[in-house]
Structure formats: structure tokens, C-alpha cells
Amino acid sequence: MTQSIGILTSGGDSPGLNAAIRGVGKACVSHYGMHIVGIRDGFRGLMENRTMPLEGEQLSGILTLGGT
């Protein structure tokens, strides 16, 4: 059975947060074979099920994007 992990940020933009999301996501995928889910719009997105899969493409391209 594949385990999943959700990544949620609850505040405004923060320097280095995209790098942290990328690092955690890549480690969970490569070391543990986990499925990563991004949760949009903080806790409201969690309550309203606003999720998106974070796969290799999304995690690799996140460093150059603004915002979290």
C-alpha cells in the first residue's frame, strides 16, 4: 500500500518555502515511495479539498515560481 503525505502552507509567502516543499517532496518520493499531495489555499483548501498531485514535474519546477 502506498502512503500519501499532504503539504500545506498556512501563511503568506516566505523565502525558501518552495525549496523546502521541493526537498520534502523529493525525499518522500525517492526514499519512501510516497504519493505527494499539495493543498492549495492553506487550511481553507484542506477543508474544501483543493488538492493537486505533486509529481516529479511539479516538484522540479517549483524553485523558479513565485509564491507558495
Protein backbone atom coordinates (compact mmCIF):
# COMPACT_ATOMS: atom_id res chain seq x y z
CA MET A 1 0.00 0.00 0.00
CA THR A 2 1.38 3.40 -0.99
CA GLN A 3 1.37 6.05 1.70
CA SER A 4 0.47 9.66 0.97
CA ILE A 5 1.58 12.93 2.51
CA GLY A 6 -0.07 16.33 2.14
CA ILE A 7 1.94 19.55 2.08
CA LEU A 8 0.15 22.69 3.26
CA THR A 9 1.42 26.20 3.96
CA SER A 10 -0.75 28.33 6.19
CA GLY A 11 0.59 31.86 5.89
CA GLY A 12 1.85 34.37 3.39
CA ASP A 13 4.85 33.98 1.16
CA SER A 14 8.11 33.09 2.84
CA PRO A 15 11.60 32.99 1.31
CA GLY A 16 12.79 29.44 0.79
CA LEU A 17 9.42 27.79 1.28
CA ASN A 18 9.29 26.44 -2.28
CA ALA A 19 12.74 24.91 -1.74
CA ALA A 20 11.51 23.26 1.46
CA ILE A 21 8.42 21.87 -0.29
CA ARG A 22 10.62 20.53 -3.09
CA GLY A 23 13.09 18.94 -0.66
CA VAL A 24 10.43 17.25 1.46
CA GLY A 25 8.52 16.11 -1.62
CA LYS A 26 11.53 14.65 -3.41
CA ALA A 27 12.76 12.90 -0.25
CA CYS A 28 9.35 11.34 0.40
CA VAL A 29 9.10 10.10 -3.19
CA SER A 30 12.66 8.83 -3.64
CA HIS A 31 13.29 7.33 -0.20
CA TYR A 32 9.83 6.14 0.80
CA GLY A 33 7.86 5.86 -2.46
CA MET A 34 5.12 8.12 -1.11
CA HIS A 35 2.45 9.92 -3.09
CA ILE A 36 2.64 13.71 -2.50
CA VAL A 37 -0.43 15.97 -2.49
CA GLY A 38 -0.25 19.77 -2.47
CA ILE A 39 -3.04 21.57 -0.65
CA ARG A 40 -3.92 24.94 -2.17
CA ASP A 41 -5.02 27.99 -0.14
CA GLY A 42 -3.93 26.81 3.30
CA PHE A 43 -6.37 25.31 5.77
CA ARG A 44 -9.37 26.50 3.76
CA GLY A 45 -8.10 24.41 0.84
CA LEU A 46 -7.80 21.43 3.18
CA MET A 47 -11.41 21.81 4.32
CA GLU A 48 -12.65 22.33 0.75
CA ASN A 49 -10.50 19.54 -0.75
CA ARG A 50 -8.48 21.85 -3.04
CA THR A 51 -5.63 19.46 -3.69
CA MET A 52 -3.28 18.68 -6.53
CA PRO A 53 -0.79 15.87 -7.04
CA LEU A 54 2.84 16.93 -6.72
CA GLU A 55 4.84 14.71 -9.01
CA GLY A 56 8.33 14.99 -10.50
CA GLU A 57 7.49 17.79 -12.94
CA GLN A 58 5.76 19.98 -10.37
CA LEU A 59 8.44 19.47 -7.74
CA SER A 60 11.32 20.14 -10.13
CA GLY A 61 9.82 23.37 -11.47
CA ILE A 62 8.75 24.84 -8.13
CA LEU A 63 12.02 26.66 -7.38
CA THR A 64 11.52 29.24 -10.13
CA LEU A 65 7.91 30.03 -9.24
CA GLY A 66 6.88 32.95 -7.07
CA GLY A 67 4.60 32.37 -4.09
CA THR A 68 3.93 29.08 -2.37
